[in-house]
Amino acid sequence: MNAKAQQKMIVIRAILTVICFAGGFVVPLLFLLAAFFASTIYNIVDPKPDPPVDAW
């Protein structure tokens, strides 16, 4: 394997590593954002009535 091909492999591996690392960080973040927005939208669309103060 000549030096140029080896350098190309290192660059590709570095890019893949960065993508995997960023993906592993971004996906949970997106999931949390999606859950937050879903709950917010659900509360706007279907507001729950306030619980009565004198429940007893």
C-alpha atoms as a PDB file:
ATOM      1  CA  MET A   1       0.000   0.000   0.000  1.00  0.00           C
ATOM      2  CA  ASN A   2       1.617   3.245  -1.087  1.00  0.00           C
ATOM      3  CA  ALA A   3       1.745   6.370   1.043  1.00  0.00           C
ATOM      4  CA  LYS A   4      -0.986   8.215  -0.867  1.00  0.00           C
ATOM      5  CA  ALA A   5      -3.512   5.396  -0.446  1.00  0.00           C
ATOM      6  CA  GLN A   6      -2.606   5.099   3.228  1.00  0.00           C
ATOM      7  CA  GLN A   7      -3.155   8.831   3.729  1.00  0.00           C
ATOM      8  CA  LYS A   8      -6.532   8.558   2.005  1.00  0.00           C
ATOM      9  CA  MET A   9      -7.513   5.695   4.317  1.00  0.00           C
ATOM     10  CA  ILE A  10      -6.544   7.728   7.392  1.00  0.00           C
ATOM     11  CA  VAL A  11      -8.624  10.699   6.190  1.00  0.00           C
ATOM     12  CA  ILE A  12     -11.640   8.493   5.433  1.00  0.00           C
ATOM     13  CA  ARG A  13     -11.324   6.791   8.809  1.00  0.00           C
ATOM     14  CA  ALA A  14     -11.112  10.160  10.574  1.00  0.00           C
ATOM     15  CA  ILE A  15     -14.216  11.434   8.768  1.00  0.00           C
ATOM     16  CA  LEU A  16     -16.134   8.261   9.622  1.00  0.00           C
ATOM     17  CA  THR A  17     -15.068   8.537  13.258  1.00  0.00           C
ATOM     18  CA  VAL A  18     -16.266  12.151  13.426  1.00  0.00           C
ATOM     19  CA  ILE A  19     -19.589  11.256  11.769  1.00  0.00           C
ATOM     20  CA  CYS A  20     -20.137   8.345  14.161  1.00  0.00           C
ATOM     21  CA  PHE A  21     -19.250  10.471  17.194  1.00  0.00           C
ATOM     22  CA  ALA A  22     -21.470  13.356  16.069  1.00  0.00           C
ATOM     23  CA  GLY A  23     -24.288  10.936  15.248  1.00  0.00           C
ATOM     24  CA  GLY A  24     -24.038   9.305  18.645  1.00  0.00           C
ATOM     25  CA  PHE A  25     -24.332  12.742  20.242  1.00  0.00           C
ATOM     26  CA  VAL A  26     -26.975  14.275  17.958  1.00  0.00           C
ATOM     27  CA  VAL A  27     -29.439  11.369  17.815  1.00  0.00           C
ATOM     28  CA  PRO A  28     -30.272  11.352  21.576  1.00  0.00           C
ATOM     29  CA  LEU A  29     -30.463  15.158  21.463  1.00  0.00           C
ATOM     30  CA  LEU A  30     -32.936  15.017  18.568  1.00  0.00           C
ATOM     31  CA  PHE A  31     -34.892  12.345  20.408  1.00  0.00           C
ATOM     32  CA  LEU A  32     -35.140  14.535  23.519  1.00  0.00           C
ATOM     33  CA  LEU A  33     -36.179  17.545  21.430  1.00  0.00           C
ATOM     34  CA  ALA A  34     -38.807  15.483  19.622  1.00  0.00           C
ATOM     35  CA  ALA A  35     -40.204  14.203  22.922  1.00  0.00           C
ATOM     36  CA  PHE A  36     -40.266  17.731  24.359  1.00  0.00           C
ATOM     37  CA  PHE A  37     -42.029  19.188  21.318  1.00  0.00           C
ATOM     38  CA  ALA A  38     -44.472  16.289  21.199  1.00  0.00           C
ATOM     39  CA  SER A  39     -45.484  16.803  24.834  1.00  0.00           C
ATOM     40  CA  THR A  40     -45.740  20.580  24.342  1.00  0.00           C
ATOM     41  CA  ILE A  41     -47.874  20.254  21.208  1.00  0.00           C
ATOM     42  CA  TYR A  42     -50.015  17.618  22.913  1.00  0.00           C
ATOM     43  CA  ASN A  43     -50.618  19.980  25.842  1.00  0.00           C
ATOM     44  CA  ILE A  44     -51.601  22.781  23.451  1.00  0.00           C
ATOM     45  CA  VAL A  45     -53.916  20.573  21.381  1.00  0.00           C
ATOM     46  CA  ASP A  46     -55.438  18.725  24.325  1.00  0.00           C
ATOM     47  CA  PRO A  47     -55.120  20.911  27.441  1.00  0.00           C
ATOM     48  CA  LYS A  48     -55.878  19.032  30.606  1.00  0.00           C
ATOM     49  CA  PRO A  49     -58.296  20.762  32.972  1.00  0.00           C
ATOM     50  CA  ASP A  50     -56.728  21.992  36.181  1.00  0.00           C
ATOM     51  CA  PRO A  51     -57.249  19.571  39.050  1.00  0.00           C
ATOM     52  CA  PRO A  52     -59.917  20.877  41.426  1.00  0.00           C
ATOM     53  CA  VAL A  53     -58.423  22.496  44.508  1.00  0.00           C
ATOM     54  CA  ASP A  54     -61.020  21.070  46.905  1.00  0.00           C
ATOM     55  CA  ALA A  55     -60.747  17.471  45.739  1.00  0.00           C
ATOM     56  CA  TRP A  56     -61.733  16.148  49.155  1.00  0.00           C
END
